[in-house]
Amino acid sequence: MIATKLKKNDNVEVIAGKEKGKRGRIIAVLAKKDRVLVESLNIVKKHMRPSAQSKEGGILEKEGALHISNVMLVCPKCDKATRLGGSKLEDGRKVRVCRSCGESIDK
């Protein structure tokens, strides 16, 4: 398991695979599987049979999971895909820091 510094609602850029270069917002982090769901990226088709829950069957399109190592956080200040560092504030809180510009990413 990879220790992740990514969180829900972070903006990320895909750095590998068929969606390389595209950006999106993280919908969910699947920590046990080392994967993330990114809004409107890696769309897969799922064939559904009609059932009691969903009266209509058909082909649904939904986001597929991407491996955490294939996405990089986009810094809101410098607008670049960047690695993350960490630091502590004077009040003892830990914050994530952009390695490119040195600005804090957490509010």
N, C-alpha and C. Protein backbone atom coordinates (compact mmCIF):
# COMPACT_ATOMS: atom_id res chain seq x y z
N MET A 1 0.83 -1.18 0.00
CA MET A 1 0.00 0.00 0.00
C MET A 1 0.88 1.25 0.00
N ILE A 2 0.55 2.19 -0.86
CA ILE A 2 1.29 3.44 -0.96
C ILE A 2 0.65 4.47 -0.04
N ALA A 3 1.46 5.17 0.74
CA ALA A 3 0.91 6.24 1.58
C ALA A 3 0.61 7.42 0.66
N THR A 4 -0.65 7.85 0.62
CA THR A 4 -1.06 8.90 -0.30
C THR A 4 -1.22 10.24 0.41
N LYS A 5 -0.89 11.29 -0.30
CA LYS A 5 -1.10 12.64 0.22
C LYS A 5 -2.24 13.31 -0.54
N LEU A 6 -2.90 12.58 -1.42
CA LEU A 6 -4.01 13.13 -2.19
C LEU A 6 -5.30 13.00 -1.40
N LYS A 7 -6.18 13.98 -1.58
CA LYS A 7 -7.46 14.00 -0.87
C LYS A 7 -8.60 14.24 -1.86
N LYS A 8 -9.81 13.98 -1.40
CA LYS A 8 -11.00 14.25 -2.19
C LYS A 8 -11.06 15.74 -2.52
N ASN A 9 -11.52 16.08 -3.71
CA ASN A 9 -11.65 17.45 -4.23
C ASN A 9 -10.33 18.11 -4.62
N ASP A 10 -9.21 17.39 -4.58
CA ASP A 10 -7.95 17.93 -5.09
C ASP A 10 -8.00 17.92 -6.62
N ASN A 11 -7.38 18.91 -7.24
CA ASN A 11 -7.24 18.91 -8.70
C ASN A 11 -5.95 18.20 -9.04
N VAL A 12 -6.04 17.24 -9.98
CA VAL A 12 -4.89 16.44 -10.34
C VAL A 12 -4.72 16.41 -11.86
N GLU A 13 -3.50 16.07 -12.28
CA GLU A 13 -3.20 15.86 -13.69
C GLU A 13 -2.73 14.43 -13.86
N VAL A 14 -3.20 13.77 -14.92
CA VAL A 14 -2.81 12.40 -15.20
C VAL A 14 -1.45 12.43 -15.90
N ILE A 15 -0.48 11.66 -15.40
CA ILE A 15 0.88 11.70 -15.93
C ILE A 15 1.26 10.44 -16.71
N ALA A 16 0.35 9.45 -16.75
CA ALA A 16 0.63 8.21 -17.49
C ALA A 16 -0.67 7.57 -17.94
N GLY A 17 -0.61 6.83 -19.04
CA GLY A 17 -1.78 6.11 -19.52
C GLY A 17 -2.49 6.84 -20.64
N LYS A 18 -3.66 6.34 -21.02
CA LYS A 18 -4.37 6.88 -22.17
C LYS A 18 -4.94 8.27 -21.92
N GLU A 19 -5.09 8.67 -20.68
CA GLU A 19 -5.62 10.00 -20.33
C GLU A 19 -4.51 10.99 -19.99
N LYS A 20 -3.27 10.69 -20.36
CA LYS A 20 -2.11 11.51 -20.00
C LYS A 20 -2.29 12.96 -20.43
N GLY A 21 -2.00 13.88 -19.50
CA GLY A 21 -2.07 15.30 -19.77
C GLY A 21 -3.40 15.94 -19.40
N LYS A 22 -4.42 15.14 -19.13
CA LYS A 22 -5.73 15.68 -18.79
C LYS A 22 -5.81 15.97 -17.30
N ARG A 23 -6.66 16.95 -16.96
CA ARG A 23 -6.83 17.34 -15.56
C ARG A 23 -8.26 17.11 -15.11
N GLY A 24 -8.42 16.88 -13.81
CA GLY A 24 -9.75 16.68 -13.24
C GLY A 24 -9.70 16.77 -11.73
N ARG A 25 -10.89 16.64 -11.12
CA ARG A 25 -11.03 16.72 -9.67
C ARG A 25 -11.25 15.32 -9.12
N ILE A 26 -10.63 15.01 -7.99
CA ILE A 26 -10.76 13.69 -7.37
C ILE A 26 -12.15 13.57 -6.74
N ILE A 27 -12.86 12.51 -7.14
CA ILE A 27 -14.18 12.22 -6.57
C ILE A 27 -14.04 11.37 -5.31
N ALA A 28 -13.14 10.36 -5.38
CA ALA A 28 -12.96 9.45 -4.25
C ALA A 28 -11.54 8.91 -4.25
N VAL A 29 -11.03 8.64 -3.05
CA VAL A 29 -9.71 8.01 -2.89
C VAL A 29 -9.95 6.61 -2.34
N LEU A 30 -9.52 5.59 -3.08
CA LEU A 30 -9.64 4.20 -2.64
C LEU A 30 -8.29 3.77 -2.08
N ALA A 31 -8.03 4.09 -0.82
CA ALA A 31 -6.71 3.94 -0.22
C ALA A 31 -6.24 2.49 -0.16
N LYS A 32 -7.13 1.55 0.11
CA LYS A 32 -6.72 0.15 0.23
C LYS A 32 -6.29 -0.43 -1.10
N LYS A 33 -6.81 0.13 -2.20
CA LYS A 33 -6.45 -0.36 -3.53
C LYS A 33 -5.45 0.56 -4.23
N ASP A 34 -5.01 1.63 -3.57
CA ASP A 34 -4.07 2.61 -4.13
C ASP A 34 -4.61 3.22 -5.43
N ARG A 35 -5.88 3.59 -5.43
CA ARG A 35 -6.51 4.13 -6.63
C ARG A 35 -7.34 5.37 -6.31
N VAL A 36 -7.57 6.18 -7.33
CA VAL A 36 -8.42 7.36 -7.20
C VAL A 36 -9.42 7.39 -8.35
N LEU A 37 -10.59 7.98 -8.09
CA LEU A 37 -11.58 8.23 -9.13
C LEU A 37 -11.51 9.71 -9.46
N VAL A 38 -11.29 10.03 -10.74
CA VAL A 38 -11.17 11.41 -11.18
C VAL A 38 -12.37 11.75 -12.04
N GLU A 39 -12.98 12.90 -11.77
CA GLU A 39 -14.20 13.32 -12.44
C GLU A 39 -14.00 13.41 -13.96
N SER A 40 -14.87 12.73 -14.69
CA SER A 40 -14.94 12.70 -16.16
C SER A 40 -13.64 12.25 -16.85
N LEU A 41 -12.83 11.45 -16.18
CA LEU A 41 -11.65 10.84 -16.80
C LEU A 41 -11.73 9.32 -16.66
N ASN A 42 -11.10 8.61 -17.60
CA ASN A 42 -11.07 7.15 -17.61
C ASN A 42 -12.49 6.58 -17.59
N ILE A 43 -13.33 7.04 -18.52
CA ILE A 43 -14.72 6.60 -18.60
C ILE A 43 -14.78 5.16 -19.11
N VAL A 44 -15.50 4.31 -18.37
CA VAL A 44 -15.70 2.92 -18.76
C VAL A 44 -17.19 2.67 -18.93
N LYS A 45 -17.52 1.67 -19.73
CA LYS A 45 -18.92 1.33 -19.96
C LYS A 45 -19.27 0.07 -19.17
N LYS A 46 -20.40 0.13 -18.46
CA LYS A 46 -20.84 -1.00 -17.66
C LYS A 46 -22.22 -1.42 -18.18
N HIS A 47 -22.35 -2.69 -18.53
CA HIS A 47 -23.61 -3.21 -19.04
C HIS A 47 -24.46 -3.65 -17.86
N MET A 48 -25.67 -3.07 -17.74
CA MET A 48 -26.55 -3.35 -16.61
C MET A 48 -27.82 -4.05 -17.09
N ARG A 49 -28.20 -5.09 -16.37
CA ARG A 49 -29.45 -5.80 -16.65
C ARG A 49 -30.54 -5.11 -15.82
N PRO A 50 -31.77 -5.01 -16.34
CA PRO A 50 -32.86 -4.44 -15.53
C PRO A 50 -33.07 -5.26 -14.25
N SER A 51 -33.29 -4.56 -13.14
CA SER A 51 -33.48 -5.24 -11.86
C SER A 51 -34.53 -4.48 -11.05
N ALA A 52 -34.76 -4.91 -9.83
CA ALA A 52 -35.74 -4.25 -8.97
C ALA A 52 -35.31 -2.83 -8.63
N GLN A 53 -34.00 -2.61 -8.41
CA GLN A 53 -33.51 -1.28 -8.08
C GLN A 53 -33.57 -0.35 -9.29
N SER A 54 -33.06 -0.81 -10.43
CA SER A 54 -33.08 0.02 -11.64
C SER A 54 -33.96 -0.67 -12.68
N LYS A 55 -35.10 -0.05 -12.96
CA LYS A 55 -36.05 -0.65 -13.90
C LYS A 55 -35.47 -0.72 -15.31
N GLU A 56 -34.66 0.30 -15.66
CA GLU A 56 -34.05 0.31 -16.99
C GLU A 56 -32.65 -0.29 -16.93
N GLY A 57 -32.38 -1.14 -17.86
CA GLY A 57 -31.03 -1.67 -18.01
C GLY A 57 -30.31 -0.80 -19.02
N GLY A 58 -29.29 -1.34 -19.64
CA GLY A 58 -28.58 -0.61 -20.68
C GLY A 58 -27.12 -0.46 -20.36
N ILE A 59 -26.49 0.43 -21.09
CA ILE A 59 -25.06 0.65 -20.94
C ILE A 59 -24.86 1.96 -20.18
N LEU A 60 -24.24 1.87 -19.00
CA LEU A 60 -23.94 3.05 -18.19
C LEU A 60 -22.48 3.45 -18.40
N GLU A 61 -22.23 4.73 -18.40
CA GLU A 61 -20.85 5.22 -18.46
C GLU A 61 -20.50 5.82 -17.12
N LYS A 62 -19.37 5.39 -16.56
CA LYS A 62 -18.93 5.90 -15.26
C LYS A 62 -17.42 5.98 -15.23
N GLU A 63 -16.90 6.67 -14.22
CA GLU A 63 -15.45 6.83 -14.09
C GLU A 63 -14.81 5.53 -13.60
N GLY A 64 -13.72 5.17 -14.22
CA GLY A 64 -12.93 4.03 -13.77
C GLY A 64 -11.81 4.54 -12.87
N ALA A 65 -11.28 3.66 -12.03
CA ALA A 65 -10.23 4.06 -11.09
C ALA A 65 -8.88 4.15 -11.79
N LEU A 66 -8.08 5.13 -11.38
CA LEU A 66 -6.71 5.29 -11.84
C LEU A 66 -5.78 5.00 -10.68
N HIS A 67 -4.60 4.44 -10.96
CA HIS A 67 -3.64 4.19 -9.90
C HIS A 67 -3.09 5.52 -9.39
N ILE A 68 -2.84 5.60 -8.09
CA ILE A 68 -2.37 6.83 -7.47
C ILE A 68 -1.07 7.32 -8.08
N SER A 69 -0.21 6.39 -8.49
CA SER A 69 1.09 6.77 -9.05
C SER A 69 0.96 7.42 -10.42
N ASN A 70 -0.21 7.32 -11.06
CA ASN A 70 -0.41 7.89 -12.38
C ASN A 70 -1.02 9.28 -12.36
N VAL A 71 -1.24 9.84 -11.19
CA VAL A 71 -1.77 11.20 -11.08
C VAL A 71 -0.86 12.05 -10.20
N MET A 72 -0.85 13.36 -10.49
CA MET A 72 -0.04 14.31 -9.72
C MET A 72 -0.92 15.50 -9.35
N LEU A 73 -0.76 15.99 -8.16
CA LEU A 73 -1.53 17.14 -7.70
C LEU A 73 -1.14 18.39 -8.48
N VAL A 74 -2.13 19.22 -8.82
CA VAL A 74 -1.88 20.50 -9.48
C VAL A 74 -1.92 21.58 -8.41
N CYS A 75 -0.83 22.33 -8.31
CA CYS A 75 -0.74 23.41 -7.32
C CYS A 75 -1.68 24.54 -7.73
N PRO A 76 -2.53 25.02 -6.82
CA PRO A 76 -3.44 26.12 -7.17
C PRO A 76 -2.72 27.45 -7.39
N LYS A 77 -1.53 27.62 -6.82
CA LYS A 77 -0.80 28.88 -6.96
C LYS A 77 -0.04 28.96 -8.29
N CYS A 78 0.80 27.95 -8.57
CA CYS A 78 1.65 28.00 -9.77
C CYS A 78 1.05 27.24 -10.95
N ASP A 79 -0.09 26.54 -10.75
CA ASP A 79 -0.83 25.84 -11.81
C ASP A 79 0.04 24.81 -12.54
N LYS A 80 0.92 24.12 -11.80
CA LYS A 80 1.75 23.06 -12.36
C LYS A 80 1.48 21.77 -11.60
N ALA A 81 1.66 20.63 -12.28
CA ALA A 81 1.63 19.35 -11.59
C ALA A 81 2.90 19.25 -10.76
N THR A 82 2.75 18.95 -9.48
CA THR A 82 3.90 19.01 -8.59
C THR A 82 3.90 17.88 -7.57
N ARG A 83 5.07 17.62 -7.04
CA ARG A 83 5.18 16.70 -5.92
C ARG A 83 4.80 17.46 -4.65
N LEU A 84 4.53 16.70 -3.60
CA LEU A 84 4.10 17.32 -2.34
C LEU A 84 5.12 17.13 -1.25
N GLY A 85 5.25 18.15 -0.45
CA GLY A 85 6.05 18.07 0.75
C GLY A 85 5.16 18.36 1.94
N GLY A 86 5.72 18.38 3.11
CA GLY A 86 4.93 18.67 4.30
C GLY A 86 5.68 19.61 5.22
N SER A 87 4.93 20.37 5.98
CA SER A 87 5.54 21.22 7.00
C SER A 87 4.52 21.45 8.10
N LYS A 88 5.03 21.96 9.23
CA LYS A 88 4.16 22.27 10.37
C LYS A 88 4.07 23.77 10.53
N LEU A 89 2.88 24.24 10.88
CA LEU A 89 2.67 25.65 11.16
C LEU A 89 2.99 25.92 12.62
N GLU A 90 2.99 27.21 13.00
CA GLU A 90 3.29 27.57 14.39
C GLU A 90 2.27 27.00 15.36
N ASP A 91 1.00 26.88 14.90
CA ASP A 91 -0.03 26.36 15.80
C ASP A 91 -0.05 24.82 15.87
N GLY A 92 0.91 24.16 15.20
CA GLY A 92 1.06 22.71 15.29
C GLY A 92 0.36 21.92 14.21
N ARG A 93 -0.39 22.59 13.31
CA ARG A 93 -1.07 21.87 12.24
C ARG A 93 -0.08 21.47 11.16
N LYS A 94 -0.31 20.30 10.55
CA LYS A 94 0.50 19.87 9.41
C LYS A 94 -0.19 20.32 8.14
N VAL A 95 0.58 20.81 7.18
CA VAL A 95 0.03 21.23 5.89
C VAL A 95 0.84 20.62 4.76
N ARG A 96 0.19 20.46 3.61
CA ARG A 96 0.88 19.98 2.41
C ARG A 96 1.46 21.20 1.69
N VAL A 97 2.67 21.04 1.17
CA VAL A 97 3.39 22.15 0.55
C VAL A 97 3.79 21.76 -0.87
N CYS A 98 3.65 22.70 -1.81
CA CYS A 98 4.08 22.50 -3.19
C CYS A 98 5.59 22.51 -3.24
N ARG A 99 6.20 21.51 -3.91
CA ARG A 99 7.65 21.45 -4.00
C ARG A 99 8.20 22.42 -5.04
N SER A 100 7.35 22.90 -5.96
CA SER A 100 7.80 23.83 -6.99
C SER A 100 7.91 25.26 -6.46
N CYS A 101 6.80 25.77 -5.87
CA CYS A 101 6.78 27.17 -5.45
C CYS A 101 6.87 27.35 -3.95
N GLY A 102 6.72 26.28 -3.16
CA GLY A 102 6.85 26.38 -1.72
C GLY A 102 5.61 26.86 -0.99
N GLU A 103 4.52 27.10 -1.72
CA GLU A 103 3.28 27.59 -1.09
C GLU A 103 2.50 26.45 -0.45
N SER A 104 1.74 26.77 0.58
CA SER A 104 0.89 25.80 1.24
C SER A 104 -0.31 25.48 0.36
N ILE A 105 -0.69 24.21 0.28
CA ILE A 105 -1.83 23.79 -0.54
C ILE A 105 -3.09 23.74 0.31
N ASP A 106 -2.96 23.34 1.57
CA ASP A 106 -4.12 23.30 2.47
C ASP A 106 -4.41 24.69 2.98
N LYS A 107 -5.69 24.92 3.26
CA LYS A 107 -6.09 26.22 3.78
C LYS A 107 -5.93 26.31 5.27
